[in-house]
Amino acid sequence: MQLYSKIKGVGSYVPSHVVSNYMLEETLDTSHEWIVARTGIEERRISSDTESSSFMAIEAAKKAIAAADIKAQDIDMVIVGTTTSTYVMPSTACEVAAGLGISGATAFDVAAACSGFIYAVSIADKFIRTSEAKCVLAIGVDRYSRLCNPADRNTSILFGDGAGASIIRLSDTPGIEYTELGSDGGKSDILTAKNQERLPFIKENDNSYLQMQGQDVFKSAVSKFNELIDSVQNKKGIHIEDIDMLIPHQANIRIINSVAKRYKLPDAKVFLNVQKYGNTSAASVALALDEAMQSGHIKEGSRVLMLAFGGGLTWGSILATF
């Protein structure tokens, strides 16, 4: 008997504190116009000292559980994509499980940077398809505002904080149709954060902050997104025109526009919220997915392609019918 997995509920959380481009003008040699022209970002959400990764993940998970119409105790696995855990141990996944009152479930973190949510959902799909789980909570959460040098306009303008969660369940009908993951550690230096402490960490020098070679990241992200789309077309025998919605990692509008132009995708088929939240790393795709569903851009039966690219380097895609 063929086993399938399906995304049954999605939820998200963003901090209430908004930092606009105009606010950044007060402390950085930058302008609203410069940031928008190069990134598409107009504002981002910044977490407070009490809004840890686990706190945000729990809040997003509660909404996903409600959307899926299940109880927390139905969950038998928790996977959290994050690189901003509060502790070395316990993992953020264990903190989330405890916060939701889940006992006995498998729980672990996945460190795949901006690809974290895609990794988590893909892993959930595999556990369900092999009868090792029936109901998985997959989360993407990060606080990259804490990793950025506030004096570095090349990184501090880009990142915001947030969390997104989904419930992946055993299904009689196909939901998640295809996933692909990959990495290239040999190129890790183009996007890295080499601090050796968990949050909050002591930054002994500028090298402890997140370091990014912007042009190299841009070229690698565009190239990898193109490869991922070509791969799903070839392996699934579909055309990108068959997709109802593309949800790419919300890192930079120029990356997204470059991919959309190559495949002649209309604006109505490419979901964007980078202007409101900036790059939320592992939360990015999950936040966009939740917002697309809440706004009616994704309906029952919609076929959605999700793409991510991040530090590591890591990348991944998910093709799913809702």
Foldseek 3Di string as FASTA:
>chain_A
DFWAKAWQFKFKDFAPDKDFQCNLVVQEVDHQVRCCVWFVAGIAGADDPPCAQLNQALVGLVRRCVRNVHALQLAQEEEEEEPQAQAPPDGSQVSSCVVRVYPNHHTDYDDQWLCRQLVQVVVVGVCRRVVNTFKYKGKYWYRLCLQADSHDPVPNSFAHGMMMITIMGIDPDHWFDDKDKDFDLVPQVQWDAPAPGHPPDDDPDPSNGIHHPVVVQLVVLLVVVVVQQVVCCVVVVHAPVLALAEEEQSAGVVSVVSNCVVRVNDPLRYFDDCRRHGGNINRRSRVRVVVCVVVVSADQQGWYKYWYADRSGMIMIITTGD
